[in-house]
Amino acid sequence: MLRIVPVTGQLLRKLCNYFPSMADFFWSVVPPLTLLGYYHRRITGKFASWQTCGFFCAGLLVGMVALAVGWQIETNLLRWSYWQNLMSTFGGVVIRQLLVVAPIEELGKFIGFAIPIYFLQQRRSSGSMTAAGIFLLAVALSLGFTCHESWVFLLHGNSSIFERLISTPVHAMFVVPWVYVVATVGFRVNKSQIVLAWGDCVLCHAGVNICAIASGFNVPVRYLSYCLFPFLLYLFWRMERCLKLVEGRKVKYLLKYFPPSHRYWRFGLIIFALALGGNACLGLFITIQTILPLPINRIWEYSTLTLLIGRILYNIAFGLVGWVIYIYLLTTARHQ
């Protein structure tokens, strides 16, 4: 009996070290669930709440499996000295994201989503298999994946709460191409179309990670970090656009019905608007991240307050310019 007590104490200490604090648990679970609740109320033709929660839990399981598989593969690769040297370069980071991280995570999400959806489509229960409902279940699984990833990042101190809060919808935005294909035409489609859509997800996933990591390298690679938020803004716009399509609502094409001479001009305006809007969001997030560690009395000092208001107005002005350009593009597309 006396020998069991130290073993039990060691086990309890390991469990306490493994499980995150209540704050980490809160910020891992609540933001994804809040976003899921928003989409569950918004999307028409949705599934029952228990099915949505089931896919959210499936996303948690997929995140655990993907993390374990990725960790095992990278552990084996790190035994190779050439791989160790390669990981210290930017080219190695790109290869790791394209060949290891993004494919494993996106394949896990695809398999974790495709298996239950296939059986649900076979059953055709209560006629609820609408395109919008399938889209909602994909969002639920992706947010469950995000929940587990945030938990791991916060547990090991690899990311701040604010950074995880910003990245809450990112995994849901990655899966949009193949989810749109599955939601609109199902699995009875040319398999190459699904493979191409899945490859699009992998490239977007790797691209976001590469842009996020680029800030840790020297110039000119560091400038890639300025592409991160414009790219995320584009992915969010694409997600909202595909959601409107699966719900049967009309969307406005910014380039499709214009002659080639106008398309180049409009494409340049789109890139410019994304650059302005994305980096305006980045500037605001950096400003908020600067404020958070400061004590309350420091924030209300004249010099600090003046600097913060100036930064906020500066970024809002650039964001408004990008928004005006986007409204112009929408208005001219409506009249085309």
Foldseek 3Di string as FASTA:
>chain_A
DVVVVVVVVVVVVVVVLQADDPVLLCLLPVLLVVVLVVLQVVFPLADDPVLLLVLLVLLLVLLVVLVVVLVVVVVVVVVDVVLVVLCVDLNSLLCCLLPGNLVSSLVSLCVSLQVVVVVCVVVCPPVSLALSRLLSSSSSSQLSSLSNVSSVCVSVVVDDSLVSSVCNRVSSLLLVQLSLVCNPPNPPDDVVSNVVSSSSSSVLRSLLVSLCCQCVDDPPSNVSVLVNQLSVVVSVVVNVVSSCVSSPHDDFDLQDPDPPVVNVVSVVLSSQLSSLQRVLVVLLSVLVVVPVVDDPVVCPDPVNVVVSVVSNVVSVVSNVVSVVSVVVSRVVSVVD
